[in-house]
Amino acid sequence: MLVMPIVYVSDVERSMRFYELLGFKLVRKHRKGRWAELRLGDAKLGLHYLDKLSQSQEQQRVDLGLESQEPLEELQERLIAAGIPLERFVSDEAFGYSLVIRDPDGLHIQINQHDPELYT
């Protein structure tokens, strides 16, 4: 069994382009553009078109956490060059480093790089 979070988006194509900048690859897409399934390594992500989120759906949103193999400073430069605004630049954390962005529909995405020397 594989866990696949589903992100509700207002524009599937725009969201696909955004997540492809983070390294996701398209697995399949609904021919009417209402659904796309992406993969990043062993992880999957569903993009589901929804014209408008209800208030209860907005309150149920979750954050997306990604772990980067690419040095975060390099990723940060790539995101800035692609015009992706950073909510928080690379920061030193208790576990290593992180940076924060938002997807085109405002989903909070924290990208982490763990430092193995900080773990037992």
PDB file of N, CA and C in Angstrom:
ATOM      1  N   MET A   1       0.845  -1.170   0.000  1.00  0.00           N
ATOM      2  CA  MET A   1       0.000   0.000   0.000  1.00  0.00           C
ATOM      3  C   MET A   1       0.892   1.236   0.000  1.00  0.00           C
ATOM      4  N   LEU A   2       0.467   2.250  -0.714  1.00  0.00           N
ATOM      5  CA  LEU A   2       1.220   3.488  -0.844  1.00  0.00           C
ATOM      6  C   LEU A   2       0.323   4.655  -0.441  1.00  0.00           C
ATOM      7  N   VAL A   3       0.824   5.527   0.398  1.00  0.00           N
ATOM      8  CA  VAL A   3       0.062   6.707   0.801  1.00  0.00           C
ATOM      9  C   VAL A   3       0.169   7.755  -0.307  1.00  0.00           C
ATOM     10  N   MET A   4      -0.971   8.362  -0.669  1.00  0.00           N
ATOM     11  CA  MET A   4      -0.970   9.413  -1.675  1.00  0.00           C
ATOM     12  C   MET A   4      -1.820  10.581  -1.173  1.00  0.00           C
ATOM     13  N   PRO A   5      -1.172  11.626  -0.630  1.00  0.00           N
ATOM     14  CA  PRO A   5      -1.938  12.806  -0.247  1.00  0.00           C
ATOM     15  C   PRO A   5      -2.604  13.408  -1.480  1.00  0.00           C
ATOM     16  N   ILE A   6      -3.766  14.008  -1.286  1.00  0.00           N
ATOM     17  CA  ILE A   6      -4.482  14.672  -2.366  1.00  0.00           C
ATOM     18  C   ILE A   6      -4.560  16.155  -2.027  1.00  0.00           C
ATOM     19  N   VAL A   7      -4.107  16.977  -2.961  1.00  0.00           N
ATOM     20  CA  VAL A   7      -4.130  18.421  -2.801  1.00  0.00           C
ATOM     21  C   VAL A   7      -5.221  18.965  -3.713  1.00  0.00           C
ATOM     22  N   TYR A   8      -6.135  19.741  -3.158  1.00  0.00           N
ATOM     23  CA  TYR A   8      -7.195  20.359  -3.952  1.00  0.00           C
ATOM     24  C   TYR A   8      -6.668  21.662  -4.539  1.00  0.00           C
ATOM     25  N   VAL A   9      -6.790  21.794  -5.863  1.00  0.00           N
ATOM     26  CA  VAL A   9      -6.183  22.922  -6.570  1.00  0.00           C
ATOM     27  C   VAL A   9      -7.211  23.599  -7.474  1.00  0.00           C
ATOM     28  N   SER A  10      -6.967  24.868  -7.774  1.00  0.00           N
ATOM     29  CA  SER A  10      -7.867  25.612  -8.656  1.00  0.00           C
ATOM     30  C   SER A  10      -7.459  25.508 -10.124  1.00  0.00           C
ATOM     31  N   ASP A  11      -6.239  25.040 -10.397  1.00  0.00           N
ATOM     32  CA  ASP A  11      -5.750  24.902 -11.769  1.00  0.00           C
ATOM     33  C   ASP A  11      -4.749  23.747 -11.790  1.00  0.00           C
ATOM     34  N   VAL A  12      -5.167  22.600 -12.300  1.00  0.00           N
ATOM     35  CA  VAL A  12      -4.328  21.397 -12.284  1.00  0.00           C
ATOM     36  C   VAL A  12      -3.046  21.610 -13.088  1.00  0.00           C
ATOM     37  N   GLU A  13      -3.144  22.200 -14.274  1.00  0.00           N
ATOM     38  CA  GLU A  13      -1.955  22.405 -15.121  1.00  0.00           C
ATOM     39  C   GLU A  13      -0.934  23.306 -14.427  1.00  0.00           C
ATOM     40  N   ARG A  14      -1.388  24.400 -13.840  1.00  0.00           N
ATOM     41  CA  ARG A  14      -0.488  25.314 -13.133  1.00  0.00           C
ATOM     42  C   ARG A  14       0.184  24.602 -11.962  1.00  0.00           C
ATOM     43  N   SER A  15      -0.583  23.815 -11.225  1.00  0.00           N
ATOM     44  CA  SER A  15      -0.029  23.086 -10.086  1.00  0.00           C
ATOM     45  C   SER A  15       0.954  22.017 -10.540  1.00  0.00           C
ATOM     46  N   MET A  16       0.662  21.354 -11.660  1.00  0.00           N
ATOM     47  CA  MET A  16       1.602  20.360 -12.194  1.00  0.00           C
ATOM     48  C   MET A  16       2.946  21.019 -12.506  1.00  0.00           C
ATOM     49  N   ARG A  17       2.921  22.164 -13.160  1.00  0.00           N
ATOM     50  CA  ARG A  17       4.177  22.867 -13.488  1.00  0.00           C
ATOM     51  C   ARG A  17       4.942  23.228 -12.212  1.00  0.00           C
ATOM     52  N   PHE A  18       4.217  23.682 -11.184  1.00  0.00           N
ATOM     53  CA  PHE A  18       4.848  24.040  -9.916  1.00  0.00           C
ATOM     54  C   PHE A  18       5.535  22.823  -9.293  1.00  0.00           C
ATOM     55  N   TYR A  19       4.809  21.716  -9.166  1.00  0.00           N
ATOM     56  CA  TYR A  19       5.371  20.531  -8.511  1.00  0.00           C
ATOM     57  C   TYR A  19       6.468  19.883  -9.351  1.00  0.00           C
ATOM     58  N   GLU A  20       6.416  20.037 -10.666  1.00  0.00           N
ATOM     59  CA  GLU A  20       7.502  19.537 -11.514  1.00  0.00           C
ATOM     60  C   GLU A  20       8.798  20.287 -11.223  1.00  0.00           C
ATOM     61  N   LEU A  21       8.714  21.575 -10.848  1.00  0.00           N
ATOM     62  CA  LEU A  21       9.909  22.327 -10.451  1.00  0.00           C
ATOM     63  C   LEU A  21      10.557  21.727  -9.207  1.00  0.00           C
ATOM     64  N   LEU A  22       9.759  21.055  -8.389  1.00  0.00           N
ATOM     65  CA  LEU A  22      10.281  20.410  -7.180  1.00  0.00           C
ATOM     66  C   LEU A  22      10.764  18.989  -7.455  1.00  0.00           C
ATOM     67  N   GLY A  23      10.652  18.530  -8.703  1.00  0.00           N
ATOM     68  CA  GLY A  23      11.151  17.207  -9.065  1.00  0.00           C
ATOM     69  C   GLY A  23      10.085  16.153  -9.273  1.00  0.00           C
ATOM     70  N   PHE A  24       8.813  16.484  -9.054  1.00  0.00           N
ATOM     71  CA  PHE A  24       7.739  15.512  -9.274  1.00  0.00           C
ATOM     72  C   PHE A  24       7.607  15.213 -10.762  1.00  0.00           C
ATOM     73  N   LYS A  25       7.222  13.984 -11.090  1.00  0.00           N
ATOM     74  CA  LYS A  25       6.996  13.549 -12.471  1.00  0.00           C
ATOM     75  C   LYS A  25       5.533  13.139 -12.619  1.00  0.00           C
ATOM     76  N   LEU A  26       4.964  13.457 -13.771  1.00  0.00           N
ATOM     77  CA  LEU A  26       3.581  13.089 -14.051  1.00  0.00           C
ATOM     78  C   LEU A  26       3.463  11.579 -14.233  1.00  0.00           C
ATOM     79  N   VAL A  27       2.511  10.967 -13.534  1.00  0.00           N
ATOM     80  CA  VAL A  27       2.207   9.545 -13.689  1.00  0.00           C
ATOM     81  C   VAL A  27       1.031   9.397 -14.645  1.00  0.00           C
ATOM     82  N   ARG A  28      -0.058  10.107 -14.361  1.00  0.00           N
ATOM     83  CA  ARG A  28      -1.234  10.085 -15.227  1.00  0.00           C
ATOM     84  C   ARG A  28      -2.079  11.317 -14.950  1.00  0.00           C
ATOM     85  N   LYS A  29      -2.900  11.640 -15.958  1.00  0.00           N
ATOM     86  CA  LYS A  29      -3.724  12.838 -15.859  1.00  0.00           C
ATOM     87  C   LYS A  29      -5.078  12.544 -16.488  1.00  0.00           C
ATOM     88  N   HIS A  30      -6.132  13.018 -15.854  1.00  0.00           N
ATOM     89  CA  HIS A  30      -7.480  12.888 -16.395  1.00  0.00           C
ATOM     90  C   HIS A  30      -7.571  13.724 -17.663  1.00  0.00           C
ATOM     91  N   ARG A  31      -8.166  13.175 -18.719  1.00  0.00           N
ATOM     92  CA  ARG A  31      -8.163  13.884 -20.008  1.00  0.00           C
ATOM     93  C   ARG A  31      -8.934  15.191 -19.980  1.00  0.00           C
ATOM     94  N   LYS A  32      -9.829  15.369 -19.025  1.00  0.00           N
ATOM     95  CA  LYS A  32     -10.549  16.645 -18.910  1.00  0.00           C
ATOM     96  C   LYS A  32      -9.840  17.614 -17.961  1.00  0.00           C
ATOM     97  N   GLY A  33      -8.675  17.226 -17.451  1.00  0.00           N
ATOM     98  CA  GLY A  33      -7.873  18.131 -16.638  1.00  0.00           C
ATOM     99  C   GLY A  33      -8.322  18.308 -15.208  1.00  0.00           C
ATOM    100  N   ARG A  34      -9.125  17.393 -14.692  1.00  0.00           N
ATOM    101  CA  ARG A  34      -9.640  17.546 -13.327  1.00  0.00           C
ATOM    102  C   ARG A  34      -8.818  16.780 -12.291  1.00  0.00           C
ATOM    103  N   TRP A  35      -7.833  16.024 -12.721  1.00  0.00           N
ATOM    104  CA  TRP A  35      -7.065  15.182 -11.813  1.00  0.00           C
ATOM    105  C   TRP A  35      -5.699  14.911 -12.417  1.00  0.00           C
ATOM    106  N   ALA A  36      -4.671  14.905 -11.594  1.00  0.00           N
ATOM    107  CA  ALA A  36      -3.341  14.473 -12.026  1.00  0.00           C
ATOM    108  C   ALA A  36      -2.694  13.734 -10.869  1.00  0.00           C
ATOM    109  N   GLU A  37      -1.908  12.756 -11.218  1.00  0.00           N
ATOM    110  CA  GLU A  37      -1.182  11.968 -10.231  1.00  0.00           C
ATOM    111  C   GLU A  37       0.302  12.148 -10.528  1.00  0.00           C
ATOM    112  N   LEU A  38       1.055  12.544  -9.507  1.00  0.00           N
ATOM    113  CA  LEU A  38       2.485  12.799  -9.651  1.00  0.00           C
ATOM    114  C   LEU A  38       3.259  11.845  -8.757  1.00  0.00           C
ATOM    115  N   ARG A  39       4.530  11.669  -9.078  1.00  0.00           N
ATOM    116  CA  ARG A  39       5.396  10.800  -8.284  1.00  0.00           C
ATOM    117  C   ARG A  39       6.719  11.517  -8.042  1.00  0.00           C
ATOM    118  N   LEU A  40       7.244  11.325  -6.844  1.00  0.00           N
ATOM    119  CA  LEU A  40       8.570  11.803  -6.467  1.00  0.00           C
ATOM    120  C   LEU A  40       9.221  10.666  -5.702  1.00  0.00           C
ATOM    121  N   GLY A  41      10.134   9.945  -6.340  1.00  0.00           N
ATOM    122  CA  GLY A  41      10.708   8.756  -5.723  1.00  0.00           C
ATOM    123  C   GLY A  41       9.612   7.739  -5.488  1.00  0.00           C
ATOM    124  N   ASP A  42       9.467   7.284  -4.251  1.00  0.00           N
ATOM    125  CA  ASP A  42       8.419   6.322  -3.905  1.00  0.00           C
ATOM    126  C   ASP A  42       7.130   6.996  -3.449  1.00  0.00           C
ATOM    127  N   ALA A  43       7.111   8.314  -3.423  1.00  0.00           N
ATOM    128  CA  ALA A  43       5.932   9.047  -2.944  1.00  0.00           C
ATOM    129  C   ALA A  43       5.057   9.481  -4.112  1.00  0.00           C
ATOM    130  N   LYS A  44       3.752   9.521  -3.858  1.00  0.00           N
ATOM    131  CA  LYS A  44       2.805   9.997  -4.859  1.00  0.00           C
ATOM    132  C   LYS A  44       2.044  11.196  -4.298  1.00  0.00           C
ATOM    133  N   LEU A  45       1.539  12.018  -5.216  1.00  0.00           N
ATOM    134  CA  LEU A  45       0.751  13.185  -4.848  1.00  0.00           C
ATOM    135  C   LEU A  45      -0.365  13.328  -5.866  1.00  0.00           C
ATOM    136  N   GLY A  46      -1.590  13.448  -5.374  1.00  0.00           N
ATOM    137  CA  GLY A  46      -2.729  13.664  -6.257  1.00  0.00           C
ATOM    138  C   GLY A  46      -3.083  15.137  -6.292  1.00  0.00           C
ATOM    139  N   LEU A  47      -3.354  15.649  -7.494  1.00  0.00           N
ATOM    140  CA  LEU A  47      -3.842  17.017  -7.660  1.00  0.00           C
ATOM    141  C   LEU A  47      -5.274  16.911  -8.145  1.00  0.00           C
ATOM    142  N   HIS A  48      -6.203  17.420  -7.375  1.00  0.00           N
ATOM    143  CA  HIS A  48      -7.627  17.280  -7.680  1.00  0.00           C
ATOM    144  C   HIS A  48      -8.223  18.668  -7.879  1.00  0.00           C
ATOM    145  N   TYR A  49      -8.803  18.902  -9.061  1.00  0.00           N
ATOM    146  CA  TYR A  49      -9.421  20.198  -9.344  1.00  0.00           C
ATOM    147  C   TYR A  49     -10.663  20.384  -8.480  1.00  0.00           C
ATOM    148  N   LEU A  50     -10.761  21.555  -7.885  1.00  0.00           N
ATOM    149  CA  LEU A  50     -11.948  21.932  -7.137  1.00  0.00           C
ATOM    150  C   LEU A  50     -12.145  23.424  -7.354  1.00  0.00           C
ATOM    151  N   ASP A  51     -13.292  23.784  -7.881  1.00  0.00           N
ATOM    152  CA  ASP A  51     -13.562  25.176  -8.228  1.00  0.00           C
ATOM    153  C   ASP A  51     -13.405  26.097  -7.023  1.00  0.00           C
ATOM    154  N   LYS A  52     -13.939  25.669  -5.896  1.00  0.00           N
ATOM    155  CA  LYS A  52     -13.846  26.493  -4.687  1.00  0.00           C
ATOM    156  C   LYS A  52     -13.870  25.587  -3.474  1.00  0.00           C
ATOM    157  N   LEU A  53     -12.940  25.817  -2.552  1.00  0.00           N
ATOM    158  CA  LEU A  53     -12.924  25.055  -1.309  1.00  0.00           C
ATOM    159  C   LEU A  53     -13.996  25.592  -0.378  1.00  0.00           C
ATOM    160  N   SER A  54     -14.722  24.686   0.256  1.00  0.00           N
ATOM    161  CA  SER A  54     -15.660  25.122   1.289  1.00  0.00           C
ATOM    162  C   SER A  54     -14.849  25.519   2.519  1.00  0.00           C
ATOM    163  N   GLN A  55     -15.482  26.208   3.442  1.00  0.00           N
ATOM    164  CA  GLN A  55     -14.769  26.641   4.647  1.00  0.00           C
ATOM    165  C   GLN A  55     -14.245  25.440   5.430  1.00  0.00           C
ATOM    166  N   SER A  56     -15.018  24.365   5.511  1.00  0.00           N
ATOM    167  CA  SER A  56     -14.555  23.190   6.253  1.00  0.00           C
ATOM    168  C   SER A  56     -13.376  22.535   5.540  1.00  0.00           C
ATOM    169  N   GLN A  57     -13.358  22.542   4.202  1.00  0.00           N
ATOM    170  CA  GLN A  57     -12.222  21.979   3.472  1.00  0.00           C
ATOM    171  C   GLN A  57     -10.974  22.824   3.687  1.00  0.00           C
ATOM    172  N   GLU A  58     -11.129  24.141   3.740  1.00  0.00           N
ATOM    173  CA  GLU A  58      -9.980  25.013   3.978  1.00  0.00           C
ATOM    174  C   GLU A  58      -9.385  24.725   5.354  1.00  0.00           C
ATOM    175  N   GLN A  59     -10.229  24.450   6.337  1.00  0.00           N
ATOM    176  CA  GLN A  59      -9.754  24.190   7.688  1.00  0.00           C
ATOM    177  C   GLN A  59      -9.116  22.812   7.807  1.00  0.00           C
ATOM    178  N   GLN A  60      -9.420  21.904   6.895  1.00  0.00           N
ATOM    179  CA  GLN A  60      -8.884  20.548   6.965  1.00  0.00           C
ATOM    180  C   GLN A  60      -7.584  20.388   6.187  1.00  0.00           C
ATOM    181  N   ARG A  61      -7.101  21.426   5.571  1.00  0.00           N
ATOM    182  CA  ARG A  61      -5.882  21.316   4.777  1.00  0.00           C
ATOM    183  C   ARG A  61      -4.718  20.909   5.668  1.00  0.00           C
ATOM    184  N   VAL A  62      -3.777  20.207   5.072  1.00  0.00           N
ATOM    185  CA  VAL A  62      -2.576  19.793   5.781  1.00  0.00           C
ATOM    186  C   VAL A  62      -1.370  20.443   5.112  1.00  0.00           C
ATOM    187  N   ASP A  63      -0.275  20.498   5.814  1.00  0.00           N
ATOM    188  CA  ASP A  63       0.973  20.968   5.222  1.00  0.00           C
ATOM    189  C   ASP A  63       1.643  19.798   4.520  1.00  0.00           C
ATOM    190  N   LEU A  64       2.450  20.113   3.549  1.00  0.00           N
ATOM    191  CA  LEU A  64       3.204  19.098   2.835  1.00  0.00           C
ATOM    192  C   LEU A  64       4.660  19.239   3.242  1.00  0.00           C
ATOM    193  N   GLY A  65       5.270  18.160   3.673  1.00  0.00           N
ATOM    194  CA  GLY A  65       6.680  18.154   4.038  1.00  0.00           C
ATOM    195  C   GLY A  65       7.461  17.315   3.044  1.00  0.00           C
ATOM    196  N   LEU A  66       8.549  17.852   2.546  1.00  0.00           N
ATOM    197  CA  LEU A  66       9.404  17.138   1.608  1.00  0.00           C
ATOM    198  C   LEU A  66      10.810  17.076   2.175  1.00  0.00           C
ATOM    199  N   GLU A  67      11.519  16.007   1.870  1.00  0.00           N
ATOM    200  CA  GLU A  67      12.913  15.889   2.266  1.00  0.00           C
ATOM    201  C   GLU A  67      13.760  15.941   1.007  1.00  0.00           C
ATOM    202  N   SER A  68      14.687  16.882   0.970  1.00  0.00           N
ATOM    203  CA  SER A  68      15.495  17.116  -0.225  1.00  0.00           C
ATOM    204  C   SER A  68      16.836  16.401  -0.132  1.00  0.00           C
ATOM    205  N   GLN A  69      17.227  15.796  -1.246  1.00  0.00           N
ATOM    206  CA  GLN A  69      18.569  15.237  -1.362  1.00  0.00           C
ATOM    207  C   GLN A  69      19.515  16.304  -1.923  1.00  0.00           C
ATOM    208  N   GLU A  70      18.939  17.268  -2.633  1.00  0.00           N
ATOM    209  CA  GLU A  70      19.699  18.380  -3.206  1.00  0.00           C
ATOM    210  C   GLU A  70      20.005  19.379  -2.091  1.00  0.00           C
ATOM    211  N   PRO A  71      21.211  19.940  -2.048  1.00  0.00           N
ATOM    212  CA  PRO A  71      21.487  20.965  -1.036  1.00  0.00           C
ATOM    213  C   PRO A  71      20.443  22.087  -1.117  1.00  0.00           C
ATOM    214  N   LEU A  72      19.926  22.489   0.035  1.00  0.00           N
ATOM    215  CA  LEU A  72      18.839  23.466   0.047  1.00  0.00           C
ATOM    216  C   LEU A  72      19.237  24.824  -0.519  1.00  0.00           C
ATOM    217  N   GLU A  73      20.495  25.208  -0.360  1.00  0.00           N
ATOM    218  CA  GLU A  73      20.939  26.483  -0.941  1.00  0.00           C
ATOM    219  C   GLU A  73      20.788  26.446  -2.461  1.00  0.00           C
ATOM    220  N   GLU A  74      21.134  25.302  -3.090  1.00  0.00           N
ATOM    221  CA  GLU A  74      20.996  25.160  -4.548  1.00  0.00           C
ATOM    222  C   GLU A  74      19.523  25.149  -4.947  1.00  0.00           C
ATOM    223  N   LEU A  75      18.700  24.423  -4.201  1.00  0.00           N
ATOM    224  CA  LEU A  75      17.270  24.382  -4.481  1.00  0.00           C
ATOM    225  C   LEU A  75      16.667  25.780  -4.349  1.00  0.00           C
ATOM    226  N   GLN A  76      17.060  26.489  -3.311  1.00  0.00           N
ATOM    227  CA  GLN A  76      16.565  27.845  -3.095  1.00  0.00           C
ATOM    228  C   GLN A  76      16.881  28.729  -4.300  1.00  0.00           C
ATOM    229  N   GLU A  77      18.107  28.658  -4.813  1.00  0.00           N
ATOM    230  CA  GLU A  77      18.495  29.448  -5.985  1.00  0.00           C
ATOM    231  C   GLU A  77      17.647  29.076  -7.195  1.00  0.00           C
ATOM    232  N   ARG A  78      17.395  27.786  -7.392  1.00  0.00           N
ATOM    233  CA  ARG A  78      16.592  27.309  -8.519  1.00  0.00           C
ATOM    234  C   ARG A  78      15.149  27.807  -8.419  1.00  0.00           C
ATOM    235  N   LEU A  79      14.586  27.759  -7.218  1.00  0.00           N
ATOM    236  CA  LEU A  79      13.212  28.227  -7.013  1.00  0.00           C
ATOM    237  C   LEU A  79      13.099  29.731  -7.266  1.00  0.00           C
ATOM    238  N   ILE A  80      14.062  30.488  -6.771  1.00  0.00           N
ATOM    239  CA  ILE A  80      14.055  31.937  -6.990  1.00  0.00           C
ATOM    240  C   ILE A  80      14.173  32.239  -8.483  1.00  0.00           C
ATOM    241  N   ALA A  81      15.065  31.532  -9.182  1.00  0.00           N
ATOM    242  CA  ALA A  81      15.241  31.738 -10.626  1.00  0.00           C
ATOM    243  C   ALA A  81      13.965  31.409 -11.399  1.00  0.00           C
ATOM    244  N   ALA A  82      13.178  30.466 -10.877  1.00  0.00           N
ATOM    245  CA  ALA A  82      11.920  30.080 -11.530  1.00  0.00           C
ATOM    246  C   ALA A  82      10.765  31.006 -11.144  1.00  0.00           C
ATOM    247  N   GLY A  83      11.045  31.990 -10.282  1.00  0.00           N
ATOM    248  CA  GLY A  83      10.009  32.941  -9.892  1.00  0.00           C
ATOM    249  C   GLY A  83       9.104  32.464  -8.769  1.00  0.00           C
ATOM    250  N   ILE A  84       9.527  31.428  -8.043  1.00  0.00           N
ATOM    251  CA  ILE A  84       8.742  30.918  -6.913  1.00  0.00           C
ATOM    252  C   ILE A  84       9.107  31.732  -5.669  1.00  0.00           C
ATOM    253  N   PRO A  85       8.158  32.460  -5.088  1.00  0.00           N
ATOM    254  CA  PRO A  85       8.483  33.228  -3.891  1.00  0.00           C
ATOM    255  C   PRO A  85       8.687  32.303  -2.683  1.00  0.00           C
ATOM    256  N   LEU A  86       9.700  32.604  -1.901  1.00  0.00           N
ATOM    257  CA  LEU A  86       9.968  31.827  -0.695  1.00  0.00           C
ATOM    258  C   LEU A  86       9.305  32.501   0.491  1.00  0.00           C
ATOM    259  N   GLU A  87       8.607  31.700   1.271  1.00  0.00           N
ATOM    260  CA  GLU A  87       8.001  32.224   2.492  1.00  0.00           C
ATOM    261  C   GLU A  87       9.062  32.323   3.586  1.00  0.00           C
ATOM    262  N   ARG A  88       9.992  31.373   3.579  1.00  0.00           N
ATOM    263  CA  ARG A  88      11.121  31.406   4.514  1.00  0.00           C
ATOM    264  C   ARG A  88      12.343  30.850   3.797  1.00  0.00           C
ATOM    265  N   PHE A  89      13.404  31.623   3.789  1.00  0.00           N
ATOM    266  CA  PHE A  89      14.646  31.183   3.167  1.00  0.00           C
ATOM    267  C   PHE A  89      15.268  30.066   4.000  1.00  0.00           C
ATOM    268  N   VAL A  90      16.319  29.455   3.479  1.00  0.00           N
ATOM    269  CA  VAL A  90      16.974  28.353   4.188  1.00  0.00           C
ATOM    270  C   VAL A  90      17.285  28.793   5.613  1.00  0.00           C
ATOM    271  N   SER A  91      16.827  27.980   6.569  1.00  0.00           N
ATOM    272  CA  SER A  91      17.002  28.271   7.994  1.00  0.00           C
ATOM    273  C   SER A  91      17.635  27.081   8.688  1.00  0.00           C
ATOM    274  N   ASP A  92      18.462  27.382   9.672  1.00  0.00           N
ATOM    275  CA  ASP A  92      19.075  26.348  10.503  1.00  0.00           C
ATOM    276  C   ASP A  92      18.016  25.849  11.481  1.00  0.00           C
ATOM    277  N   GLU A  93      17.845  24.539  11.536  1.00  0.00           N
ATOM    278  CA  GLU A  93      16.842  23.919  12.410  1.00  0.00           C
ATOM    279  C   GLU A  93      17.536  22.922  13.340  1.00  0.00           C
ATOM    280  N   ALA A  94      16.824  22.435  14.322  1.00  0.00           N
ATOM    281  CA  ALA A  94      17.377  21.443  15.248  1.00  0.00           C
ATOM    282  C   ALA A  94      17.699  20.128  14.541  1.00  0.00           C
ATOM    283  N   PHE A  95      17.068  19.864  13.404  1.00  0.00           N
ATOM    284  CA  PHE A  95      17.256  18.606  12.676  1.00  0.00           C
ATOM    285  C   PHE A  95      18.152  18.754  11.452  1.00  0.00           C
ATOM    286  N   GLY A  96      18.500  19.987  11.101  1.00  0.00           N
ATOM    287  CA  GLY A  96      19.274  20.256   9.888  1.00  0.00           C
ATOM    288  C   GLY A  96      18.883  21.617   9.339  1.00  0.00           C
ATOM    289  N   TYR A  97      18.318  21.635   8.127  1.00  0.00           N
ATOM    290  CA  TYR A  97      17.930  22.889   7.483  1.00  0.00           C
ATOM    291  C   TYR A  97      16.558  22.751   6.839  1.00  0.00           C
ATOM    292  N   SER A  98      15.888  23.894   6.660  1.00  0.00           N
ATOM    293  CA  SER A  98      14.596  23.864   5.977  1.00  0.00           C
ATOM    294  C   SER A  98      14.380  25.182   5.247  1.00  0.00           C
ATOM    295  N   LEU A  99      13.473  25.135   4.278  1.00  0.00           N
ATOM    296  CA  LEU A  99      12.962  26.341   3.638  1.00  0.00           C
ATOM    297  C   LEU A  99      11.477  26.128   3.427  1.00  0.00           C
ATOM    298  N   VAL A 100      10.731  27.214   3.280  1.00  0.00           N
ATOM    299  CA  VAL A 100       9.276  27.113   3.173  1.00  0.00           C
ATOM    300  C   VAL A 100       8.802  27.900   1.954  1.00  0.00           C
ATOM    301  N   ILE A 101       7.922  27.253   1.188  1.00  0.00           N
ATOM    302  CA  ILE A 101       7.270  27.890   0.049  1.00  0.00           C
ATOM    303  C   ILE A 101       5.777  27.590   0.144  1.00  0.00           C
ATOM    304  N   ARG A 102       5.006  28.184  -0.734  1.00  0.00           N
ATOM    305  CA  ARG A 102       3.580  27.859  -0.859  1.00  0.00           C
ATOM    306  C   ARG A 102       3.313  27.499  -2.307  1.00  0.00           C
ATOM    307  N   ASP A 103       2.419  26.532  -2.502  1.00  0.00           N
ATOM    308  CA  ASP A 103       2.060  26.172  -3.871  1.00  0.00           C
ATOM    309  C   ASP A 103       1.116  27.237  -4.427  1.00  0.00           C
ATOM    310  N   PRO A 104       0.748  27.168  -5.708  1.00  0.00           N
ATOM    311  CA  PRO A 104      -0.087  28.220  -6.295  1.00  0.00           C
ATOM    312  C   PRO A 104      -1.436  28.432  -5.607  1.00  0.00           C
ATOM    313  N   ASP A 105      -1.916  27.439  -4.852  1.00  0.00           N
ATOM    314  CA  ASP A 105      -3.181  27.596  -4.132  1.00  0.00           C
ATOM    315  C   ASP A 105      -2.975  27.868  -2.650  1.00  0.00           C
ATOM    316  N   GLY A 106      -1.732  28.154  -2.249  1.00  0.00           N
ATOM    317  CA  GLY A 106      -1.457  28.554  -0.876  1.00  0.00           C
ATOM    318  C   GLY A 106      -1.086  27.437   0.078  1.00  0.00           C
ATOM    319  N   LEU A 107      -0.941  26.199  -0.413  1.00  0.00           N
ATOM    320  CA  LEU A 107      -0.559  25.094   0.469  1.00  0.00           C
ATOM    321  C   LEU A 107       0.863  25.311   0.980  1.00  0.00           C
ATOM    322  N   HIS A 108       1.034  25.222   2.278  1.00  0.00           N
ATOM    323  CA  HIS A 108       2.316  25.410   2.951  1.00  0.00           C
ATOM    324  C   HIS A 108       3.189  24.177   2.701  1.00  0.00           C
ATOM    325  N   ILE A 109       4.395  24.380   2.151  1.00  0.00           N
ATOM    326  CA  ILE A 109       5.315  23.277   1.863  1.00  0.00           C
ATOM    327  C   ILE A 109       6.638  23.568   2.549  1.00  0.00           C
ATOM    328  N   GLN A 110       7.019  22.695   3.475  1.00  0.00           N
ATOM    329  CA  GLN A 110       8.316  22.824   4.137  1.00  0.00           C
ATOM    330  C   GLN A 110       9.240  21.776   3.540  1.00  0.00           C
ATOM    331  N   ILE A 111      10.377  22.228   3.028  1.00  0.00           N
ATOM    332  CA  ILE A 111      11.357  21.326   2.429  1.00  0.00           C
ATOM    333  C   ILE A 111      12.531  21.238   3.391  1.00  0.00           C
ATOM    334  N   ASN A 112      12.829  20.020   3.824  1.00  0.00           N
ATOM    335  CA  ASN A 112      13.847  19.786   4.845  1.00  0.00           C
ATOM    336  C   ASN A 112      15.062  19.082   4.271  1.00  0.00           C
ATOM    337  N   GLN A 113      16.186  19.328   4.916  1.00  0.00           N
ATOM    338  CA  GLN A 113      17.394  18.552   4.664  1.00  0.00           C
ATOM    339  C   GLN A 113      17.933  18.185   6.042  1.00  0.00           C
ATOM    340  N   HIS A 114      17.868  16.896   6.343  1.00  0.00           N
ATOM    341  CA  HIS A 114      18.272  16.423   7.662  1.00  0.00           C
ATOM    342  C   HIS A 114      19.782  16.222   7.721  1.00  0.00           C
ATOM    343  N   ASP A 115      20.360  16.596   8.848  1.00  0.00           N
ATOM    344  CA  ASP A 115      21.782  16.388   9.101  1.00  0.00           C
ATOM    345  C   ASP A 115      21.917  15.124   9.934  1.00  0.00           C
ATOM    346  N   PRO A 116      22.459  14.030   9.350  1.00  0.00           N
ATOM    347  CA  PRO A 116      22.534  12.758  10.075  1.00  0.00           C
ATOM    348  C   PRO A 116      23.339  12.831  11.366  1.00  0.00           C
ATOM    349  N   GLU A 117      24.235  13.795  11.484  1.00  0.00           N
ATOM    350  CA  GLU A 117      25.043  13.905  12.698  1.00  0.00           C
ATOM    351  C   GLU A 117      24.233  14.415  13.886  1.00  0.00           C
ATOM    352  N   LEU A 118      23.030  14.916  13.631  1.00  0.00           N
ATOM    353  CA  LEU A 118      22.181  15.413  14.716  1.00  0.00           C
ATOM    354  C   LEU A 118      21.274  14.324  15.278  1.00  0.00           C
ATOM    355  N   TYR A 119      21.382  13.115  14.739  1.00  0.00           N
ATOM    356  CA  TYR A 119      20.541  11.995  15.167  1.00  0.00           C
ATOM    357  C   TYR A 119      21.402  10.893  15.757  1.00  0.00           C
ATOM    358  N   THR A 120      20.817  10.108  16.668  1.00  0.00           N
ATOM    359  CA  THR A 120      21.557   8.995  17.259  1.00  0.00           C
ATOM    360  C   THR A 120      21.250   7.711  16.532  1.00  0.00           C
TER     361      THR A 120
END
